[in-house]
C-alpha atoms as a PDB file:
ATOM      1  CA  UNK A   1       0.000   0.000   0.000  1.00  0.00           C
ATOM      2  CA  UNK A   2       1.409   3.406  -0.950  1.00  0.00           C
ATOM      3  CA  UNK A   3       0.744   6.651   0.860  1.00  0.00           C
ATOM      4  CA  UNK A   4       0.138   9.800  -1.108  1.00  0.00           C
ATOM      5  CA  UNK A   5       1.968  12.836   0.244  1.00  0.00           C
ATOM      6  CA  UNK A   6      -0.388  15.744   0.855  1.00  0.00           C
ATOM      7  CA  UNK A   7       0.476  18.849  -1.115  1.00  0.00           C
ATOM      8  CA  UNK A   8      -0.694  22.422  -1.096  1.00  0.00           C
ATOM      9  CA  UNK A   9      -0.044  25.113  -3.698  1.00  0.00           C
ATOM     10  CA  UNK A  10       3.104  27.203  -3.421  1.00  0.00           C
ATOM     11  CA  UNK A  11       2.137  30.814  -2.603  1.00  0.00           C
ATOM     12  CA  UNK A  12       4.542  32.063  -5.285  1.00  0.00           C
ATOM     13  CA  UNK A  13       3.954  29.914  -8.352  1.00  0.00           C
ATOM     14  CA  UNK A  14       0.867  27.877  -7.356  1.00  0.00           C
ATOM     15  CA  UNK A  15       2.685  24.608  -8.157  1.00  0.00           C
ATOM     16  CA  UNK A  16       2.323  21.819  -5.571  1.00  0.00           C
ATOM     17  CA  UNK A  17       4.596  21.984  -2.559  1.00  0.00           C
ATOM     18  CA  UNK A  18       5.059  19.338   0.085  1.00  0.00           C
ATOM     19  CA  UNK A  19       3.115  19.434   3.318  1.00  0.00           C
ATOM     20  CA  UNK A  20       5.063  21.368   5.920  1.00  0.00           C
ATOM     21  CA  UNK A  21       7.109  23.245   3.300  1.00  0.00           C
ATOM     22  CA  UNK A  22       6.912  27.029   2.965  1.00  0.00           C
ATOM     23  CA  UNK A  23       7.496  27.099  -0.804  1.00  0.00           C
ATOM     24  CA  UNK A  24       7.950  24.587  -3.611  1.00  0.00           C
ATOM     25  CA  UNK A  25      11.465  23.330  -4.279  1.00  0.00           C
ATOM     26  CA  UNK A  26      12.033  25.651  -7.265  1.00  0.00           C
ATOM     27  CA  UNK A  27      10.862  28.804  -5.466  1.00  0.00           C
ATOM     28  CA  UNK A  28      12.803  27.901  -2.316  1.00  0.00           C
ATOM     29  CA  UNK A  29      15.958  27.695  -4.420  1.00  0.00           C
ATOM     30  CA  UNK A  30      15.332  31.217  -5.766  1.00  0.00           C
ATOM     31  CA  UNK A  31      15.411  32.776  -2.286  1.00  0.00           C
ATOM     32  CA  UNK A  32      18.715  34.351  -1.225  1.00  0.00           C
ATOM     33  CA  UNK A  33      20.835  32.107   0.981  1.00  0.00           C
ATOM     34  CA  UNK A  34      20.481  34.295   4.088  1.00  0.00           C
ATOM     35  CA  UNK A  35      16.679  34.190   3.781  1.00  0.00           C
ATOM     36  CA  UNK A  36      16.698  30.386   3.434  1.00  0.00           C
ATOM     37  CA  UNK A  37      18.976  30.086   6.458  1.00  0.00           C
ATOM     38  CA  UNK A  38      16.761  32.340   8.559  1.00  0.00           C
ATOM     39  CA  UNK A  39      13.589  30.503   7.506  1.00  0.00           C
ATOM     40  CA  UNK A  40      15.174  27.135   8.330  1.00  0.00           C
ATOM     41  CA  UNK A  41      15.901  28.173  11.918  1.00  0.00           C
ATOM     42  CA  UNK A  42      13.402  26.720  14.392  1.00  0.00           C
ATOM     43  CA  UNK A  43      13.114  29.024  17.370  1.00  0.00           C
ATOM     44  CA  UNK A  44      10.612  31.362  19.010  1.00  0.00           C
ATOM     45  CA  UNK A  45      10.853  33.832  16.095  1.00  0.00           C
ATOM     46  CA  UNK A  46      10.195  31.265  13.335  1.00  0.00           C
ATOM     47  CA  UNK A  47       6.529  32.217  12.864  1.00  0.00           C
ATOM     48  CA  UNK A  48       7.452  35.898  12.527  1.00  0.00           C
ATOM     49  CA  UNK A  49      10.018  35.108   9.838  1.00  0.00           C
ATOM     50  CA  UNK A  50       7.468  33.005   7.947  1.00  0.00           C
ATOM     51  CA  UNK A  51       4.990  35.884   8.120  1.00  0.00           C
ATOM     52  CA  UNK A  52       7.676  38.235   6.759  1.00  0.00           C
ATOM     53  CA  UNK A  53       8.208  35.859   3.830  1.00  0.00           C
ATOM     54  CA  UNK A  54       4.509  35.565   3.034  1.00  0.00           C
ATOM     55  CA  UNK A  55       3.939  39.335   3.323  1.00  0.00           C
ATOM     56  CA  UNK A  56       6.713  39.999   0.819  1.00  0.00           C
ATOM     57  CA  UNK A  57       5.432  37.289  -1.537  1.00  0.00           C
ATOM     58  CA  UNK A  58       1.921  38.797  -1.371  1.00  0.00           C
ATOM     59  CA  UNK A  59       3.370  42.257  -2.079  1.00  0.00           C
ATOM     60  CA  UNK A  60       5.044  40.950  -5.234  1.00  0.00           C
ATOM     61  CA  UNK A  61       8.652  41.225  -4.077  1.00  0.00           C
ATOM     62  CA  UNK A  62      10.827  39.104  -6.408  1.00  0.00           C
ATOM     63  CA  UNK A  63      12.063  35.987  -4.638  1.00  0.00           C
ATOM     64  CA  UNK A  64      15.714  36.917  -5.236  1.00  0.00           C
ATOM     65  CA  UNK A  65      15.129  40.190  -3.329  1.00  0.00           C
ATOM     66  CA  UNK A  66      13.305  38.833  -0.290  1.00  0.00           C
ATOM     67  CA  UNK A  67      14.926  39.625   3.046  1.00  0.00           C
ATOM     68  CA  UNK A  68      13.971  37.921   6.283  1.00  0.00           C
ATOM     69  CA  UNK A  69      15.031  38.935   9.782  1.00  0.00           C
ATOM     70  CA  UNK A  70      17.776  36.547  10.971  1.00  0.00           C
END
C-alpha cells in the first residue's frame, strides 16, 4: 500500500509543494541564501520570519530580493 503525500499550492507559483514546506522546491531555491537560512531556523521567532516571507510574496517582491530577519 502506498501513501500519497499531501500537497498544497506554493504561494509564489501555485505549483504543488510538500506538506510542511513554505514554498515549492524551485521557489525555495530562488530565495537568497540568508533568507533560506533564517527561515530554516526553528526558534521562538520562526513564525514571525514566515509571516515576513509571506507578506513579501503577497506584495510581489521578487524571490531573489526577499529579506527575512535573521
